[in-house]
Amino acid sequence: MVNIKTFMVLNRWGEAVFERSNFQPNDPTLGWNGKFRGKPMNPAVFTYFAEIEFSDGEIILYKGDVTLVK
Protein backbone atom coordinates (compact mmCIF):
# COMPACT_ATOMS: atom_id res chain seq x y z
CA MET A 1 0.00 0.00 0.00
CA VAL A 2 1.52 3.32 -1.03
CA ASN A 3 -1.33 5.83 -0.95
CA ILE A 4 -4.81 6.18 0.45
CA LYS A 5 -6.62 7.97 -2.35
CA THR A 6 -9.87 8.49 -0.40
CA PHE A 7 -11.08 7.58 3.07
CA MET A 8 -14.61 8.43 4.21
CA VAL A 9 -16.65 7.69 7.32
CA LEU A 10 -20.43 8.07 7.04
CA ASN A 11 -23.15 8.08 9.68
CA ARG A 12 -26.31 6.00 9.33
CA TRP A 13 -27.99 8.76 7.30
CA GLY A 14 -25.15 8.81 4.77
CA GLU A 15 -23.68 12.09 5.98
CA ALA A 16 -19.87 12.24 5.75
CA VAL A 17 -18.48 12.73 9.26
CA PHE A 18 -14.86 12.38 8.09
CA GLU A 19 -13.14 12.58 4.73
CA ARG A 20 -9.48 12.70 3.73
CA SER A 21 -7.75 12.22 0.38
CA ASN A 22 -4.26 11.41 -0.87
CA PHE A 23 -2.34 10.57 2.29
CA GLN A 24 0.18 7.98 3.38
CA PRO A 25 -0.96 4.92 5.37
CA ASN A 26 0.05 4.12 8.95
CA ASP A 27 0.00 7.69 10.27
CA PRO A 28 -2.45 7.72 13.20
CA THR A 29 -2.61 11.54 13.15
CA LEU A 30 -4.35 11.41 9.75
CA GLY A 31 -7.18 9.01 10.70
CA TRP A 32 -10.61 9.69 12.13
CA ASN A 33 -10.57 10.59 15.83
CA GLY A 34 -14.28 9.94 16.46
CA LYS A 35 -15.21 13.62 16.26
CA PHE A 36 -17.48 15.54 13.90
CA ARG A 37 -17.17 19.33 13.62
CA GLY A 38 -14.85 19.27 16.62
CA LYS A 39 -17.26 17.46 18.95
CA PRO A 40 -17.07 13.81 20.07
CA MET A 41 -19.63 11.56 18.40
CA ASN A 42 -21.96 9.36 20.41
CA PRO A 43 -21.42 5.60 20.21
CA ALA A 44 -22.89 4.27 16.96
CA VAL A 45 -22.18 2.19 13.87
CA PHE A 46 -20.52 4.03 10.97
CA THR A 47 -19.81 2.97 7.39
CA TYR A 48 -16.37 3.48 5.86
CA PHE A 49 -15.01 3.53 2.33
CA ALA A 50 -11.30 3.43 1.56
CA GLU A 51 -9.83 3.66 -1.93
CA ILE A 52 -6.29 2.26 -1.64
CA GLU A 53 -3.52 2.49 -4.22
CA PHE A 54 -0.86 -0.25 -4.14
CA SER A 55 2.75 -0.13 -5.33
CA ASP A 56 1.86 -1.95 -8.57
CA GLY A 57 -0.66 0.79 -9.45
CA GLU A 58 -3.72 -1.31 -8.62
CA ILE A 59 -6.51 0.56 -6.81
CA ILE A 60 -8.93 -1.39 -4.61
CA LEU A 61 -12.05 -0.11 -2.82
CA TYR A 62 -12.59 -1.43 0.70
CA LYS A 63 -15.84 -0.82 2.55
CA GLY A 64 -17.47 -1.97 5.75
CA ASP A 65 -18.64 -0.73 9.09
CA VAL A 66 -17.06 0.19 12.36
CA THR A 67 -18.59 0.65 15.80
CA LEU A 68 -17.57 3.70 17.79
CA VAL A 69 -17.54 2.94 21.52
CA LYS A 70 -16.61 4.99 24.56
Foldseek 3Di string as FASTA:
>chain_A
DAWWAKKFKAAPVRHTQDIDGTDGPDDVVRDDPCDGPPHHDAWDKIKMWIWDADPVRDTDIDIDIDTDDD
